[in-house]
Amino acid sequence: MAGAATSPPWFARAPHGLAVLPANEIAELAAARMVATLGEALARRGRAVLAPSAGRTPKATYALLRAAHRRGLDWSRVVCVQMDEYEGIGDRDPRGFAADLRRELVEPLGIGRFLRFHDGEGALRRPLDAYERSVRALGGIDCAVQGIGRNGHVAFNEPGDARGGATRRVRLAHSTCKANGVLFTRGVTLGLDVLAEAKETLVLMTGAAKRDAAASVLFRAGGKDNPAAALRRCGRVLVLLDPEAAPERLLRSAAPDEPEAALAPTAFPPPLGNGMGVRPRLGEALPPSTSAGIAAGASNFVEWGP
């Protein structure tokens, strides 16, 4: 119908948000939001549950947590939940994700409890369905940090796996093994159902190699071939991309007359053209958990839904 209003995409609607920022500002904003969201959970129920990705992308964020936020939160009341792991890897094996999380977050921050898949010998500490029940028994995930794989996998939920909802053993895609530089072919993972119940999820993506995966998160239809779309079901999602990771469709919709190189740093979505005016920037009309400690530079470039 001529003149009909176009519905804004999911990330343009409250309470979700999206921004394209230089990589260093992604780390600043992500670290501040983690602290704010976990702090809100601590104030509400005395405990907070963090599910952090162990990939390369969030390492700068975790470094900022150690450097700038170690004393900004009572980390002893935080539970760190492992999202995925290579099958049979002991929890202190340096090749594994548990050892990475222990080194990056658990030990330097003094996190009080670390819920992980394996013991020191690589055996499951509990059956995988019981592991998932343990996460829900904690009250579910308050803050998840996701670094989507190049092929669009979430944790180790690979595209094409019809069992994606459940916490389970998985066969890793060849592209995942190649991207991670490992010979492991199997893993264990939290399922999409429990991950999609997270109260807040930060999706961090940098580099041109993640551009297609970013399109999967933002635009493509859900289903077994696109596990990344399941994250849209989370309570609140903030997608943070650097200019290289931003899909062309997003860049065109934000500034159709500008060269791509001129788009960083950029706020998305752009001002509404329907008489509603410009959406408030982060730091003005904020969702409750965004008030504390937002990095000043990054805060100027993030906008939330209407």
Foldseek 3Di string as FASTA:
>chain_A
DPPDDDDDFLQQAPPAWEFAAPLLLLLQQVLLLVLLLQQVVCVVPNAAEEEEDQDDSNLSNLVCCLVPVLPVDPQLRYEYEYFKWFAQAALCRVLISNVSCCVSPCPSSVHNYYLYQHHRRRHGPDDQQVSLVVCVVVVAHREYEFEADLQQDTHQLAAPDQVQQAFAKDFHDPSVCVVSVHPGGIMTGHGLNRLLAHQEYEYEYEALSQQVNVCLLGPDDDDRRHSNVSNSSHNYYYYYYHLNNHHPVQVCQCPVVDPSVPPHRAEPPAFDPPPPGRADFQVPPHDPSSPPDRDPVSSVHMGGHD
